[in-house]
Protein backbone atom coordinates (compact mmCIF):
# COMPACT_ATOMS: atom_id res chain seq x y z
CA MET A 1 45.59 13.84 61.54
CA ARG A 2 43.64 14.15 57.98
CA ILE A 3 46.08 11.32 56.81
CA ILE A 4 45.22 9.22 59.66
CA ARG A 5 40.99 9.33 59.32
CA LYS A 6 41.31 8.49 55.84
CA LYS A 7 43.56 5.50 56.10
CA LEU A 8 41.12 4.92 58.91
CA LEU A 9 38.01 4.76 57.07
CA LYS A 10 39.19 3.46 53.93
CA SER A 11 40.51 0.54 56.16
CA ILE A 12 37.01 0.31 57.74
CA LEU A 13 35.08 0.43 54.04
CA GLY A 14 37.69 -2.28 53.43
CA SER A 15 37.05 -4.37 55.75
CA LEU A 16 33.62 -4.08 55.69
CA CYS A 17 33.70 -5.46 51.90
CA ILE A 18 35.11 -8.17 52.79
CA LEU A 19 33.17 -8.82 55.72
CA LEU A 20 30.24 -8.51 52.80
CA PHE A 21 31.31 -10.63 50.25
CA LEU A 22 32.48 -13.93 52.93
CA VAL A 23 28.74 -13.47 53.35
CA SER A 24 26.77 -13.29 50.43
CA CYS A 25 29.55 -16.15 49.57
CA SER A 26 28.44 -18.10 52.66
CA THR A 27 24.77 -17.12 52.25
CA TYR A 28 25.03 -18.44 48.21
CA GLY A 29 27.35 -21.91 49.95
CA LEU A 30 23.88 -22.47 52.31
CA LYS A 31 21.18 -22.25 49.66
CA THR A 32 23.02 -24.49 47.11
CA ARG A 33 24.14 -26.88 49.68
CA SER A 34 19.99 -26.43 51.14
CA GLN A 35 18.73 -28.39 47.73
CA TYR A 36 20.99 -32.08 48.71
CA GLY A 37 20.72 -34.69 50.93
CA THR A 38 22.92 -37.61 51.04
CA MET A 39 23.23 -41.44 51.08
CA GLU A 40 24.49 -42.44 54.34
CA PRO A 41 25.84 -46.26 54.93
CA SER A 42 23.30 -48.02 57.06
CA GLY A 43 23.20 -51.99 58.63
CA LYS A 44 19.66 -51.51 59.00
CA VAL A 45 19.45 -51.65 55.39
CA THR A 46 21.54 -53.69 54.43
CA GLU A 47 20.37 -56.16 56.45
CA SER A 48 16.42 -54.98 54.97
CA PHE A 49 17.83 -56.03 52.04
CA GLU A 50 19.28 -59.12 52.21
CA SER A 51 16.62 -60.50 54.61
CA TYR A 52 14.31 -59.89 51.32
CA THR A 53 11.98 -57.40 53.32
CA VAL A 54 9.63 -55.61 51.35
CA ASN A 55 8.69 -51.92 53.62
CA ASP A 56 5.20 -51.17 52.30
CA ASN A 57 5.64 -47.51 52.32
CA LEU A 58 8.26 -47.49 50.13
CA ASN A 59 8.12 -47.58 46.35
CA TYR A 60 10.44 -49.71 44.90
CA TYR A 61 12.81 -48.32 41.76
CA ILE A 62 15.35 -50.38 40.10
CA SER A 63 18.71 -48.99 37.54
CA GLY A 64 20.17 -51.12 34.86
CA SER A 65 19.51 -54.86 34.38
CA ASP A 66 16.52 -56.56 35.00
CA VAL A 67 18.06 -59.70 36.31
CA VAL A 68 21.14 -57.94 38.02
CA PRO A 69 20.19 -54.06 38.88
CA ASN A 70 22.71 -51.84 39.63
CA ALA A 71 20.40 -50.51 42.31
CA ILE A 72 17.98 -50.83 43.58
CA MET A 73 16.07 -47.66 45.83
CA GLY A 74 12.88 -47.70 48.12
CA ILE A 75 11.62 -43.98 48.27
CA ASP A 76 8.71 -43.07 51.23
CA LYS A 77 5.66 -42.92 49.06
CA ARG A 78 5.10 -39.73 50.08
CA TYR A 79 8.12 -38.55 48.02
CA ILE A 80 8.02 -38.36 43.87
CA LEU A 81 10.60 -39.28 42.20
CA VAL A 82 11.54 -36.91 39.35
CA SER A 83 13.41 -39.62 37.27
CA ASP A 84 12.63 -41.54 33.67
CA LEU A 85 15.85 -43.61 33.94
CA TRP A 86 14.48 -45.43 37.05
CA LYS A 87 11.93 -48.76 36.35
CA LYS A 88 9.25 -49.03 39.65
CA ARG A 89 8.99 -52.60 40.63
CA ASP A 90 6.69 -54.03 43.04
CA PHE A 91 7.84 -56.84 44.22
CA THR A 92 6.77 -59.96 46.98
CA GLY A 93 10.27 -60.82 48.91
CA ALA A 94 11.03 -64.05 46.64
CA GLU A 95 11.55 -61.31 43.73
CA LEU A 96 13.55 -58.55 46.00
CA GLY A 97 15.31 -62.14 46.84
CA SER A 98 16.49 -63.14 43.53
CA LEU A 99 17.86 -59.55 42.62
CA VAL A 100 19.64 -59.00 45.32
CA GLU A 101 21.05 -62.00 45.30
CA ASN A 102 21.81 -61.95 41.53
CA MET A 103 23.44 -58.13 42.93
CA ARG A 104 25.62 -60.10 45.58
CA SER A 105 27.11 -62.72 43.40
CA MET A 106 28.17 -59.93 40.61
CA ALA A 107 29.45 -57.55 43.32
CA LEU A 108 31.63 -60.75 44.37
CA GLU A 109 32.76 -61.45 41.22
CA TYR A 110 34.04 -58.12 40.41
CA GLY A 111 35.76 -57.66 43.94
CA SER A 112 33.06 -55.84 45.86
CA ILE A 113 30.18 -55.60 48.62
CA MET A 114 27.21 -54.90 48.70
CA HIS A 115 25.68 -52.52 51.15
CA GLY A 116 22.44 -50.55 51.83
CA PHE A 117 22.31 -46.20 52.94
CA ASP A 118 19.74 -44.47 54.24
CA ILE A 119 18.29 -41.86 51.85
CA VAL A 120 18.22 -38.14 53.63
CA ASP A 121 16.94 -35.35 52.26
CA ASN A 122 18.36 -31.28 52.97
CA ARG A 123 16.28 -31.16 55.93
CA GLY A 124 17.80 -34.48 57.45
CA ASN A 125 14.37 -36.95 57.21
CA ASP A 126 15.00 -40.49 55.80
CA ILE A 127 13.42 -40.47 52.85
CA GLY A 128 14.47 -43.78 51.69
CA ASP A 129 16.67 -46.88 51.18
CA TRP A 130 19.21 -47.34 48.86
CA TYR A 131 21.23 -51.08 47.79
CA SER A 132 24.33 -50.99 46.00
CA ILE A 133 28.17 -51.83 46.07
CA LEU A 134 29.68 -49.60 48.04
CA SER A 135 30.91 -46.95 45.31
CA ALA A 136 27.29 -46.45 43.35
CA ARG A 137 26.01 -43.66 45.46
CA THR A 138 24.92 -40.55 43.74
CA ALA A 139 23.16 -37.21 44.64
CA VAL A 140 20.40 -36.44 45.89
CA LYS A 141 18.73 -33.32 44.84
CA MET A 142 15.59 -32.00 46.80
CA ASP A 143 12.84 -30.15 44.03
CA GLY A 144 10.73 -28.89 45.91
CA GLU A 145 9.27 -30.11 49.15
CA TYR A 146 7.67 -33.97 48.37
CA ARG A 147 10.03 -34.29 45.06
CA VAL A 148 13.65 -35.71 44.30
CA ILE A 149 15.77 -36.57 42.11
CA ILE A 150 17.86 -39.04 42.24
CA HIS A 151 20.77 -40.12 39.42
CA THR A 152 21.01 -43.88 38.39
CA PRO A 153 24.55 -44.63 39.03
CA PRO A 154 26.58 -45.23 35.42
CA LEU A 155 25.40 -48.09 33.45
CA GLU A 156 28.78 -50.79 34.04
CA THR A 157 28.89 -50.17 37.86
CA TYR A 158 30.49 -53.18 38.77
CA LYS A 159 32.89 -53.00 35.98
CA THR A 160 33.52 -49.04 36.56
CA PHE A 161 34.00 -49.73 40.45
CA ARG A 162 36.05 -52.96 40.46
CA ILE A 163 38.42 -53.20 43.44
CA LYS A 164 41.86 -54.36 42.46
CA LYS A 165 41.63 -58.11 42.34
CA ARG A 166 45.42 -60.14 42.20
CA GLY A 167 46.88 -56.79 40.54
CA ILE A 168 44.27 -57.49 37.50
CA TYR A 169 41.72 -54.24 37.33
């Protein structure tokens, strides 16, 4: 009887240890993930950029060349972009249109297409728009309630993410 109690006690203690370990791992994962948002493909955002629509509620930024950016993003004016790498720009529709057309031409040259994305914070709120080739998205990290960190795409975005075209990379 004593041996059975010891085995039962060891089994219960072992199960509790495993349960505590799993709970602590899942809690850590939730805390880590809770800082991150995402980018979700959006036909509406694509259409907005490709019709050269400037949204007055967004602060616009470009990454890369001033003539052919690697990405254009607009962040809700209530949010602060924490980065020195993005260049803030004030656009007219014509200026935005010129950049969008240059980006589309470059993407086609490398066998890719442009697309728009909603920038979504860690709570599921739409906090901005992103326009780039499909594979040039990056991480969205919240640094407090209204501060966002978004890294720029690689410098040679179009070359880096080109697709196989006529057997040549």
